[in-house]
N, C-alpha and C. Protein backbone atom coordinates (compact mmCIF):
# COMPACT_ATOMS: atom_id res chain seq x y z
N GLN A 1 0.85 -1.19 0.00
CA GLN A 1 0.00 0.00 0.00
C GLN A 1 0.88 1.24 0.00
N VAL A 2 0.56 2.18 -0.88
CA VAL A 2 1.34 3.40 -0.98
C VAL A 2 0.90 4.40 0.08
N GLN A 3 1.88 5.02 0.71
CA GLN A 3 1.59 6.04 1.71
C GLN A 3 2.54 7.20 1.51
N LEU A 4 1.97 8.40 1.47
CA LEU A 4 2.76 9.62 1.35
C LEU A 4 2.49 10.46 2.60
N VAL A 5 3.56 10.90 3.25
CA VAL A 5 3.42 11.68 4.48
C VAL A 5 4.22 12.96 4.34
N GLU A 6 3.50 14.10 4.38
CA GLU A 6 4.15 15.40 4.29
C GLU A 6 4.54 15.92 5.67
N SER A 7 5.55 16.76 5.69
CA SER A 7 5.97 17.42 6.92
C SER A 7 6.66 18.72 6.54
N GLY A 8 6.86 19.57 7.54
CA GLY A 8 7.62 20.80 7.34
C GLY A 8 6.79 22.05 7.22
N GLY A 9 5.47 21.93 7.23
CA GLY A 9 4.64 23.12 7.16
C GLY A 9 4.70 23.91 8.46
N GLY A 10 4.12 25.09 8.42
CA GLY A 10 4.11 25.92 9.63
C GLY A 10 3.76 27.35 9.31
N LEU A 11 4.00 28.21 10.29
CA LEU A 11 3.73 29.64 10.18
C LEU A 11 5.05 30.37 9.95
N VAL A 12 5.07 31.23 8.96
CA VAL A 12 6.29 31.97 8.64
C VAL A 12 5.90 33.38 8.19
N GLN A 13 6.76 34.33 8.43
CA GLN A 13 6.50 35.69 7.97
C GLN A 13 6.81 35.83 6.48
N ALA A 14 6.17 36.78 5.86
CA ALA A 14 6.43 37.05 4.45
C ALA A 14 7.93 37.30 4.24
N GLY A 15 8.45 36.73 3.18
CA GLY A 15 9.88 36.82 2.90
C GLY A 15 10.68 35.67 3.46
N GLY A 16 10.08 34.88 4.31
CA GLY A 16 10.77 33.77 4.93
C GLY A 16 10.78 32.53 4.06
N SER A 17 11.29 31.44 4.64
CA SER A 17 11.45 30.19 3.90
C SER A 17 10.91 29.01 4.71
N LEU A 18 10.50 28.01 3.98
CA LEU A 18 10.12 26.72 4.57
C LEU A 18 10.57 25.61 3.64
N ARG A 19 10.85 24.45 4.21
CA ARG A 19 11.21 23.29 3.40
C ARG A 19 10.24 22.16 3.72
N LEU A 20 9.43 21.82 2.75
CA LEU A 20 8.49 20.72 2.92
C LEU A 20 9.14 19.42 2.49
N SER A 21 8.77 18.36 3.17
CA SER A 21 9.26 17.03 2.82
C SER A 21 8.08 16.08 2.66
N CYS A 22 8.29 15.08 1.83
CA CYS A 22 7.27 14.05 1.62
C CYS A 22 7.98 12.71 1.63
N ALA A 23 7.62 11.88 2.59
CA ALA A 23 8.18 10.54 2.68
C ALA A 23 7.22 9.57 2.03
N ALA A 24 7.74 8.80 1.09
CA ALA A 24 6.92 7.86 0.34
C ALA A 24 7.24 6.43 0.74
N ALA A 25 6.20 5.67 1.02
CA ALA A 25 6.37 4.25 1.34
C ALA A 25 5.48 3.42 0.43
N GLY A 26 5.98 2.25 0.05
CA GLY A 26 5.17 1.33 -0.72
C GLY A 26 5.25 1.49 -2.21
N LEU A 27 6.13 2.34 -2.71
CA LEU A 27 6.22 2.55 -4.16
C LEU A 27 7.10 1.51 -4.82
N MET A 28 7.80 0.73 -4.02
CA MET A 28 8.47 -0.48 -4.49
C MET A 28 9.39 -0.24 -5.69
N ARG A 29 10.23 0.77 -5.59
CA ARG A 29 11.27 1.02 -6.58
C ARG A 29 10.73 1.32 -7.97
N SER A 30 9.46 1.61 -8.10
CA SER A 30 8.92 1.96 -9.42
C SER A 30 9.39 3.35 -9.83
N ARG A 31 9.41 3.56 -11.11
CA ARG A 31 9.82 4.86 -11.62
C ARG A 31 8.63 5.80 -11.56
N TYR A 32 8.52 6.53 -10.51
CA TYR A 32 7.35 7.36 -10.29
C TYR A 32 7.70 8.83 -10.31
N GLY A 33 6.81 9.62 -10.81
CA GLY A 33 6.95 11.07 -10.75
C GLY A 33 6.29 11.59 -9.48
N MET A 34 6.80 12.70 -8.98
CA MET A 34 6.28 13.29 -7.75
C MET A 34 5.88 14.73 -8.00
N GLY A 35 4.83 15.14 -7.32
CA GLY A 35 4.39 16.51 -7.48
C GLY A 35 3.96 17.12 -6.17
N TRP A 36 3.97 18.45 -6.15
CA TRP A 36 3.43 19.22 -5.03
C TRP A 36 2.27 20.06 -5.56
N PHE A 37 1.18 20.04 -4.83
CA PHE A 37 0.02 20.85 -5.14
C PHE A 37 -0.35 21.62 -3.87
N ARG A 38 -1.20 22.61 -4.02
CA ARG A 38 -1.67 23.34 -2.85
C ARG A 38 -3.12 23.72 -3.05
N GLN A 39 -3.78 23.91 -1.90
CA GLN A 39 -5.18 24.30 -1.94
C GLN A 39 -5.45 25.32 -0.84
N ALA A 40 -5.84 26.50 -1.25
CA ALA A 40 -6.21 27.55 -0.32
C ALA A 40 -7.71 27.46 -0.04
N PRO A 41 -8.16 28.03 1.08
CA PRO A 41 -9.58 27.97 1.41
C PRO A 41 -10.45 28.56 0.31
N GLY A 42 -11.46 27.79 -0.10
CA GLY A 42 -12.37 28.28 -1.12
C GLY A 42 -11.87 28.19 -2.53
N LYS A 43 -10.68 27.63 -2.71
CA LYS A 43 -10.10 27.53 -4.05
C LYS A 43 -9.84 26.07 -4.41
N GLU A 44 -9.67 25.84 -5.70
CA GLU A 44 -9.36 24.50 -6.16
C GLU A 44 -7.88 24.18 -5.90
N ARG A 45 -7.62 22.90 -5.84
CA ARG A 45 -6.24 22.46 -5.68
C ARG A 45 -5.46 22.79 -6.96
N GLU A 46 -4.27 23.36 -6.76
CA GLU A 46 -3.50 23.80 -7.92
C GLU A 46 -2.09 23.24 -7.91
N PHE A 47 -1.55 23.10 -9.10
CA PHE A 47 -0.20 22.60 -9.27
C PHE A 47 0.83 23.60 -8.78
N VAL A 48 1.89 23.08 -8.14
CA VAL A 48 2.99 23.92 -7.68
C VAL A 48 4.30 23.52 -8.38
N ALA A 49 4.65 22.24 -8.26
CA ALA A 49 5.91 21.77 -8.84
C ALA A 49 5.86 20.26 -9.01
N ALA A 50 6.68 19.76 -9.93
CA ALA A 50 6.75 18.32 -10.15
C ALA A 50 8.16 17.93 -10.57
N ILE A 51 8.49 16.68 -10.33
CA ILE A 51 9.82 16.18 -10.66
C ILE A 51 9.69 14.76 -11.18
N GLU A 52 10.41 14.49 -12.28
CA GLU A 52 10.37 13.17 -12.87
C GLU A 52 11.38 12.25 -12.19
N TRP A 53 11.23 10.96 -12.47
CA TRP A 53 12.26 10.00 -12.09
C TRP A 53 13.40 10.08 -13.10
N PRO A 54 14.68 10.06 -12.71
CA PRO A 54 15.17 10.02 -11.33
C PRO A 54 15.37 11.39 -10.70
N GLY A 55 15.06 12.48 -11.48
CA GLY A 55 15.14 13.81 -10.90
C GLY A 55 15.77 14.85 -11.80
N SER A 56 16.01 14.50 -13.06
CA SER A 56 16.68 15.44 -13.95
C SER A 56 15.73 16.49 -14.50
N ASN A 57 14.46 16.22 -14.57
CA ASN A 57 13.49 17.15 -15.12
C ASN A 57 12.53 17.63 -14.05
N THR A 58 12.38 18.93 -13.99
CA THR A 58 11.46 19.54 -13.02
C THR A 58 10.52 20.51 -13.73
N TYR A 59 9.39 20.75 -13.11
CA TYR A 59 8.37 21.62 -13.69
C TYR A 59 7.79 22.48 -12.57
N TYR A 60 7.48 23.73 -12.90
CA TYR A 60 6.98 24.66 -11.89
C TYR A 60 5.80 25.46 -12.43
N ALA A 61 4.89 25.77 -11.53
CA ALA A 61 3.86 26.75 -11.84
C ALA A 61 4.53 28.12 -11.92
N ASP A 62 3.93 29.01 -12.67
CA ASP A 62 4.50 30.36 -12.80
C ASP A 62 4.68 31.02 -11.43
N SER A 63 3.75 30.75 -10.54
CA SER A 63 3.80 31.37 -9.21
C SER A 63 4.98 30.87 -8.38
N ALA A 64 5.53 29.71 -8.76
CA ALA A 64 6.61 29.10 -8.00
C ALA A 64 7.99 29.32 -8.62
N LYS A 65 8.02 29.66 -9.86
CA LYS A 65 9.30 29.79 -10.56
C LYS A 65 10.16 30.86 -9.92
N GLY A 66 11.42 30.52 -9.69
CA GLY A 66 12.37 31.45 -9.10
C GLY A 66 12.33 31.51 -7.59
N ARG A 67 11.30 30.94 -6.97
CA ARG A 67 11.19 30.98 -5.51
C ARG A 67 11.21 29.59 -4.89
N PHE A 68 10.63 28.62 -5.58
CA PHE A 68 10.52 27.26 -5.05
C PHE A 68 11.43 26.32 -5.82
N THR A 69 11.94 25.32 -5.12
CA THR A 69 12.77 24.29 -5.75
C THR A 69 12.31 22.92 -5.28
N ILE A 70 12.01 22.05 -6.24
CA ILE A 70 11.64 20.68 -5.92
C ILE A 70 12.85 19.79 -6.13
N SER A 71 13.03 18.84 -5.24
CA SER A 71 14.14 17.90 -5.36
C SER A 71 13.71 16.55 -4.78
N ARG A 72 14.48 15.53 -5.06
CA ARG A 72 14.14 14.21 -4.54
C ARG A 72 15.40 13.46 -4.15
N ASP A 73 15.24 12.60 -3.15
CA ASP A 73 16.29 11.71 -2.72
C ASP A 73 15.76 10.30 -2.93
N ASN A 74 16.13 9.68 -4.03
CA ASN A 74 15.54 8.39 -4.38
C ASN A 74 15.97 7.28 -3.43
N ALA A 75 17.16 7.41 -2.86
CA ALA A 75 17.61 6.40 -1.92
C ALA A 75 16.74 6.38 -0.66
N LYS A 76 16.20 7.55 -0.31
CA LYS A 76 15.37 7.66 0.89
C LYS A 76 13.88 7.76 0.58
N ASN A 77 13.54 7.68 -0.71
CA ASN A 77 12.13 7.79 -1.11
C ASN A 77 11.47 9.05 -0.56
N THR A 78 12.16 10.15 -0.69
CA THR A 78 11.62 11.42 -0.22
C THR A 78 11.69 12.47 -1.32
N VAL A 79 10.79 13.42 -1.26
CA VAL A 79 10.81 14.57 -2.16
C VAL A 79 10.65 15.82 -1.30
N HIS A 80 11.33 16.87 -1.70
CA HIS A 80 11.33 18.10 -0.92
C HIS A 80 10.85 19.26 -1.78
N LEU A 81 10.32 20.25 -1.11
CA LEU A 81 9.96 21.51 -1.75
C LEU A 81 10.54 22.63 -0.90
N GLN A 82 11.60 23.23 -1.41
CA GLN A 82 12.20 24.38 -0.74
C GLN A 82 11.48 25.63 -1.21
N MET A 83 10.91 26.36 -0.27
CA MET A 83 10.12 27.55 -0.60
C MET A 83 10.79 28.76 0.00
N ASN A 84 11.23 29.68 -0.84
CA ASN A 84 11.87 30.92 -0.40
C ASN A 84 11.02 32.12 -0.79
N SER A 85 11.31 33.24 -0.19
CA SER A 85 10.60 34.48 -0.49
C SER A 85 9.09 34.28 -0.44
N LEU A 86 8.63 33.67 0.61
CA LEU A 86 7.22 33.34 0.73
C LEU A 86 6.36 34.58 0.83
N LYS A 87 5.16 34.46 0.25
CA LYS A 87 4.20 35.56 0.23
C LYS A 87 2.92 35.11 0.92
N PRO A 88 2.12 36.06 1.40
CA PRO A 88 0.84 35.66 2.02
C PRO A 88 -0.04 34.82 1.09
N GLU A 89 0.05 35.06 -0.20
CA GLU A 89 -0.77 34.29 -1.15
C GLU A 89 -0.28 32.86 -1.32
N ASP A 90 0.84 32.51 -0.72
CA ASP A 90 1.29 31.12 -0.72
C ASP A 90 0.62 30.30 0.38
N THR A 91 -0.15 30.96 1.23
CA THR A 91 -0.85 30.28 2.30
C THR A 91 -1.83 29.26 1.74
N ALA A 92 -1.68 28.01 2.17
CA ALA A 92 -2.50 26.92 1.66
C ALA A 92 -2.12 25.63 2.36
N VAL A 93 -2.91 24.61 2.13
CA VAL A 93 -2.50 23.26 2.49
C VAL A 93 -1.73 22.70 1.30
N TYR A 94 -0.54 22.19 1.56
CA TYR A 94 0.32 21.66 0.50
C TYR A 94 0.27 20.13 0.52
N TYR A 95 0.04 19.58 -0.66
CA TYR A 95 -0.10 18.14 -0.81
C TYR A 95 1.01 17.57 -1.68
N CYS A 96 1.49 16.43 -1.28
CA CYS A 96 2.43 15.65 -2.07
C CYS A 96 1.64 14.60 -2.86
N ALA A 97 2.07 14.32 -4.08
CA ALA A 97 1.39 13.35 -4.91
C ALA A 97 2.39 12.53 -5.70
N ALA A 98 1.99 11.30 -6.07
CA ALA A 98 2.87 10.41 -6.82
C ALA A 98 2.10 9.75 -7.95
N ARG A 99 2.82 9.49 -9.04
CA ARG A 99 2.22 8.78 -10.16
C ARG A 99 3.30 7.97 -10.83
N LEU A 100 2.90 6.91 -11.51
CA LEU A 100 3.86 6.06 -12.20
C LEU A 100 4.27 6.70 -13.51
N PHE A 101 5.57 6.62 -13.82
CA PHE A 101 6.09 6.99 -15.13
C PHE A 101 5.90 8.45 -15.48
N GLY A 102 6.68 9.29 -14.86
CA GLY A 102 6.75 10.67 -15.28
C GLY A 102 5.97 11.62 -14.42
N ALA A 103 6.27 12.88 -14.61
CA ALA A 103 5.62 13.94 -13.84
C ALA A 103 4.40 14.44 -14.60
N ALA A 104 3.56 15.18 -13.91
CA ALA A 104 2.36 15.75 -14.51
C ALA A 104 1.97 17.00 -13.74
N VAL A 105 1.10 17.80 -14.35
CA VAL A 105 0.76 19.08 -13.73
C VAL A 105 -0.70 19.19 -13.35
N THR A 106 -1.48 18.13 -13.53
CA THR A 106 -2.89 18.17 -13.15
C THR A 106 -3.17 17.13 -12.08
N THR A 107 -4.14 17.43 -11.22
CA THR A 107 -4.45 16.54 -10.11
C THR A 107 -4.93 15.17 -10.58
N THR A 108 -5.67 15.14 -11.68
CA THR A 108 -6.27 13.88 -12.13
C THR A 108 -5.23 12.88 -12.63
N GLN A 109 -4.02 13.34 -12.87
CA GLN A 109 -2.98 12.45 -13.39
C GLN A 109 -2.19 11.76 -12.29
N TYR A 110 -2.48 12.07 -11.06
CA TYR A 110 -1.75 11.46 -9.94
C TYR A 110 -2.59 10.38 -9.29
N ASN A 111 -1.91 9.30 -8.91
CA ASN A 111 -2.59 8.16 -8.33
C ASN A 111 -2.65 8.18 -6.81
N TYR A 112 -1.65 8.78 -6.20
CA TYR A 112 -1.52 8.72 -4.75
C TYR A 112 -1.32 10.12 -4.18
N TRP A 113 -1.91 10.34 -3.00
CA TRP A 113 -1.86 11.65 -2.34
C TRP A 113 -1.55 11.51 -0.86
N GLY A 114 -0.86 12.53 -0.35
CA GLY A 114 -0.66 12.63 1.08
C GLY A 114 -1.82 13.35 1.73
N GLN A 115 -1.72 13.51 3.05
CA GLN A 115 -2.82 14.14 3.79
C GLN A 115 -2.70 15.65 3.83
N GLY A 116 -1.56 16.18 3.43
CA GLY A 116 -1.37 17.62 3.37
C GLY A 116 -0.70 18.20 4.61
N THR A 117 -0.03 19.32 4.41
CA THR A 117 0.58 20.06 5.51
C THR A 117 0.28 21.54 5.32
N GLN A 118 -0.09 22.20 6.41
CA GLN A 118 -0.52 23.60 6.34
C GLN A 118 0.68 24.53 6.28
N VAL A 119 0.65 25.46 5.35
CA VAL A 119 1.62 26.53 5.28
C VAL A 119 0.87 27.85 5.41
N THR A 120 1.28 28.65 6.38
CA THR A 120 0.65 29.94 6.60
C THR A 120 1.73 31.03 6.57
N VAL A 121 1.53 32.00 5.71
CA VAL A 121 2.49 33.09 5.57
C VAL A 121 1.81 34.38 6.03
N SER A 122 2.36 34.97 7.05
CA SER A 122 1.79 36.20 7.60
C SER A 122 2.44 37.42 6.95
N SER A 123 1.66 38.47 6.84
CA SER A 123 2.16 39.70 6.20
C SER A 123 2.81 40.64 7.21
């Protein structure tokens, strides 16, 4: 059974940084793509960043480009999202997602989801 567990969320002031982590279990060495999405209150879940296996190709939403960096440690089955220069509009629940064979930018293309971690950016 696949399980994704996010960590690293919290409260930070605007301009600050956070590093989210996602620990993946049960993926059994498959070549899977990983993604980060977020959902703010009253809004749909939106794409933030994605990374292919083994990690050479990455993709970012326009809102994340230049501020966020996605990376993965395949030996530890973890994926990270380094978020710098955070803004109040980055406030959301951040979700980790996994899919077989490549990265994707839409929620419907992912097979597995974590429970989410709250990120709150104060002004």
